[in-house]
C-alpha atoms as a PDB file:
ATOM      1  CA  UNK A   1     136.292 -30.455-153.971  1.00  0.00           C
ATOM      2  CA  UNK A   2     139.824 -31.624-153.438  1.00  0.00           C
ATOM      3  CA  UNK A   3     141.716 -28.341-153.555  1.00  0.00           C
ATOM      4  CA  UNK A   4     145.076 -28.120-155.368  1.00  0.00           C
ATOM      5  CA  UNK A   5     147.052 -27.993-152.102  1.00  0.00           C
ATOM      6  CA  UNK A   6     145.520 -31.290-150.985  1.00  0.00           C
ATOM      7  CA  UNK A   7     146.110 -32.923-154.352  1.00  0.00           C
ATOM      8  CA  UNK A   8     149.735 -31.761-154.305  1.00  0.00           C
ATOM      9  CA  UNK A   9     150.265 -33.492-150.960  1.00  0.00           C
ATOM     10  CA  UNK A  10     148.445 -36.612-152.148  1.00  0.00           C
ATOM     11  CA  UNK A  11     150.453 -36.834-155.380  1.00  0.00           C
ATOM     12  CA  UNK A  12     153.704 -36.516-153.418  1.00  0.00           C
ATOM     13  CA  UNK A  13     152.887 -39.894-151.839  1.00  0.00           C
ATOM     14  CA  UNK A  14     151.658 -42.108-154.686  1.00  0.00           C
ATOM     15  CA  UNK A  15     151.392 -45.171-152.429  1.00  0.00           C
ATOM     16  CA  UNK A  16     148.709 -43.419-150.366  1.00  0.00           C
ATOM     17  CA  UNK A  17     145.395 -44.567-151.768  1.00  0.00           C
ATOM     18  CA  UNK A  18     143.057 -44.167-148.791  1.00  0.00           C
ATOM     19  CA  UNK A  19     141.779 -41.008-147.167  1.00  0.00           C
ATOM     20  CA  UNK A  20     139.673 -40.330-144.085  1.00  0.00           C
ATOM     21  CA  UNK A  21     137.319 -37.363-144.279  1.00  0.00           C
ATOM     22  CA  UNK A  22     135.236 -35.580-141.655  1.00  0.00           C
ATOM     23  CA  UNK A  23     133.915 -32.062-141.281  1.00  0.00           C
ATOM     24  CA  UNK A  24     130.970 -29.729-141.184  1.00  0.00           C
ATOM     25  CA  UNK A  25     128.468 -29.131-143.957  1.00  0.00           C
ATOM     26  CA  UNK A  26     128.450 -32.762-145.036  1.00  0.00           C
ATOM     27  CA  UNK A  27     126.282 -31.979-148.057  1.00  0.00           C
ATOM     28  CA  UNK A  28     128.792 -29.449-149.418  1.00  0.00           C
ATOM     29  CA  UNK A  29     132.406 -29.581-148.237  1.00  0.00           C
ATOM     30  CA  UNK A  30     132.632 -33.235-147.233  1.00  0.00           C
ATOM     31  CA  UNK A  31     130.548 -34.476-150.154  1.00  0.00           C
ATOM     32  CA  UNK A  32     132.365 -32.513-152.867  1.00  0.00           C
ATOM     33  CA  UNK A  33     135.791 -33.480-151.549  1.00  0.00           C
ATOM     34  CA  UNK A  34     134.839 -37.138-151.202  1.00  0.00           C
ATOM     35  CA  UNK A  35     133.271 -37.353-154.666  1.00  0.00           C
ATOM     36  CA  UNK A  36     136.328 -35.713-156.205  1.00  0.00           C
ATOM     37  CA  UNK A  37     138.702 -38.132-154.472  1.00  0.00           C
ATOM     38  CA  UNK A  38     136.536 -41.129-155.408  1.00  0.00           C
ATOM     39  CA  UNK A  39     136.636 -39.946-159.015  1.00  0.00           C
ATOM     40  CA  UNK A  40     140.446 -39.833-158.795  1.00  0.00           C
ATOM     41  CA  UNK A  41     140.519 -43.470-157.615  1.00  0.00           C
ATOM     42  CA  UNK A  42     141.056 -43.045-153.876  1.00  0.00           C
ATOM     43  CA  UNK A  43     139.405 -45.212-151.225  1.00  0.00           C
ATOM     44  CA  UNK A  44     137.395 -42.708-149.200  1.00  0.00           C
ATOM     45  CA  UNK A  45     136.382 -43.342-145.593  1.00  0.00           C
ATOM     46  CA  UNK A  46     133.834 -40.945-144.113  1.00  0.00           C
ATOM     47  CA  UNK A  47     133.685 -40.573-140.331  1.00  0.00           C
ATOM     48  CA  UNK A  48     129.907 -40.444-139.965  1.00  0.00           C
ATOM     49  CA  UNK A  49     130.171 -39.361-136.330  1.00  0.00           C
ATOM     50  CA  UNK A  50     132.564 -36.589-137.346  1.00  0.00           C
ATOM     51  CA  UNK A  51     130.287 -34.993-139.944  1.00  0.00           C
ATOM     52  CA  UNK A  52     127.541 -32.487-139.399  1.00  0.00           C
ATOM     53  CA  UNK A  53     125.207 -30.142-141.234  1.00  0.00           C
ATOM     54  CA  UNK A  54     122.768 -27.435-140.307  1.00  0.00           C
ATOM     55  CA  UNK A  55     120.000 -29.865-141.274  1.00  0.00           C
ATOM     56  CA  UNK A  56     119.844 -33.547-140.341  1.00  0.00           C
ATOM     57  CA  UNK A  57     118.149 -34.205-143.709  1.00  0.00           C
ATOM     58  CA  UNK A  58     121.094 -32.648-145.580  1.00  0.00           C
ATOM     59  CA  UNK A  59     123.538 -34.708-143.543  1.00  0.00           C
ATOM     60  CA  UNK A  60     121.726 -38.014-143.994  1.00  0.00           C
ATOM     61  CA  UNK A  61     121.140 -37.563-147.731  1.00  0.00           C
ATOM     62  CA  UNK A  62     124.778 -36.617-148.281  1.00  0.00           C
ATOM     63  CA  UNK A  63     125.966 -39.706-146.387  1.00  0.00           C
ATOM     64  CA  UNK A  64     123.583 -41.895-148.401  1.00  0.00           C
ATOM     65  CA  UNK A  65     124.872 -40.386-151.647  1.00  0.00           C
ATOM     66  CA  UNK A  66     128.489 -40.902-150.597  1.00  0.00           C
ATOM     67  CA  UNK A  67     127.834 -44.532-149.675  1.00  0.00           C
ATOM     68  CA  UNK A  68     126.146 -45.110-153.050  1.00  0.00           C
ATOM     69  CA  UNK A  69     129.140 -43.491-154.790  1.00  0.00           C
ATOM     70  CA  UNK A  70     131.520 -45.962-153.145  1.00  0.00           C
ATOM     71  CA  UNK A  71     132.682 -44.227-149.974  1.00  0.00           C
ATOM     72  CA  UNK A  72     132.993 -46.283-146.808  1.00  0.00           C
ATOM     73  CA  UNK A  73     130.938 -44.919-143.900  1.00  0.00           C
ATOM     74  CA  UNK A  74     132.552 -45.623-140.567  1.00  0.00           C
ATOM     75  CA  UNK A  75     133.111 -44.123-137.123  1.00  0.00           C
ATOM     76  CA  UNK A  76     136.060 -42.394-135.541  1.00  0.00           C
ATOM     77  CA  UNK A  77     136.460 -45.241-133.050  1.00  0.00           C
ATOM     78  CA  UNK A  78     136.627 -47.824-135.838  1.00  0.00           C
ATOM     79  CA  UNK A  79     139.268 -45.860-137.727  1.00  0.00           C
ATOM     80  CA  UNK A  80     141.395 -45.234-134.641  1.00  0.00           C
ATOM     81  CA  UNK A  81     141.496 -48.929-133.758  1.00  0.00           C
ATOM     82  CA  UNK A  82     142.110 -49.906-137.380  1.00  0.00           C
ATOM     83  CA  UNK A  83     145.093 -47.553-137.486  1.00  0.00           C
ATOM     84  CA  UNK A  84     146.436 -49.054-134.257  1.00  0.00           C
ATOM     85  CA  UNK A  85     146.235 -52.530-135.746  1.00  0.00           C
ATOM     86  CA  UNK A  86     145.873 -54.596-132.607  1.00  0.00           C
ATOM     87  CA  UNK A  87     146.355 -54.622-128.841  1.00  0.00           C
ATOM     88  CA  UNK A  88     150.130 -54.969-129.257  1.00  0.00           C
ATOM     89  CA  UNK A  89     150.413 -51.340-130.392  1.00  0.00           C
ATOM     90  CA  UNK A  90     152.303 -49.329-127.720  1.00  0.00           C
ATOM     91  CA  UNK A  91     149.457 -46.793-127.433  1.00  0.00           C
ATOM     92  CA  UNK A  92     146.588 -49.273-127.407  1.00  0.00           C
ATOM     93  CA  UNK A  93     145.779 -48.987-123.685  1.00  0.00           C
ATOM     94  CA  UNK A  94     145.795 -45.174-123.775  1.00  0.00           C
ATOM     95  CA  UNK A  95     143.490 -45.085-126.779  1.00  0.00           C
ATOM     96  CA  UNK A  96     141.210 -47.692-125.259  1.00  0.00           C
ATOM     97  CA  UNK A  97     140.905 -45.573-122.109  1.00  0.00           C
ATOM     98  CA  UNK A  98     139.980 -42.513-124.193  1.00  0.00           C
ATOM     99  CA  UNK A  99     137.301 -44.433-126.055  1.00  0.00           C
ATOM    100  CA  UNK A 100     135.811 -45.792-122.839  1.00  0.00           C
ATOM    101  CA  UNK A 101     135.367 -42.256-121.527  1.00  0.00           C
ATOM    102  CA  UNK A 102     133.883 -40.867-124.745  1.00  0.00           C
ATOM    103  CA  UNK A 103     131.030 -38.392-124.841  1.00  0.00           C
ATOM    104  CA  UNK A 104     127.422 -39.553-124.584  1.00  0.00           C
ATOM    105  CA  UNK A 105     125.697 -40.694-127.759  1.00  0.00           C
ATOM    106  CA  UNK A 106     124.991 -37.702-129.984  1.00  0.00           C
ATOM    107  CA  UNK A 107     122.312 -39.411-132.033  1.00  0.00           C
ATOM    108  CA  UNK A 108     124.287 -38.744-135.226  1.00  0.00           C
ATOM    109  CA  UNK A 109     124.302 -42.393-136.219  1.00  0.00           C
ATOM    110  CA  UNK A 110     120.686 -43.257-135.409  1.00  0.00           C
ATOM    111  CA  UNK A 111     119.464 -43.047-139.015  1.00  0.00           C
ATOM    112  CA  UNK A 112     122.366 -44.684-140.851  1.00  0.00           C
END
């Protein structure tokens, strides 16, 4: 659930209408927070490669539920490059180098 401290920060910036969420226990913490924010009218982006659970079944079902509820499932790489905008961003080359040397595939996205 979106705790009061988070909602206080969000309400202080009324022009902010999108949030990016990632974390552990996808089926509890991530899911409850995302559903709460969706209910409040926010665009919610879930970093599928940044979410985990003790059980792969819990993780996958939570992601499916969030997608059905209107959340956007994406990856950390996609969000980073979207935030940069384009190759003219002053940090583009540094970020591109980090992405090229990323960790091996974790298998987290194989069933999405």
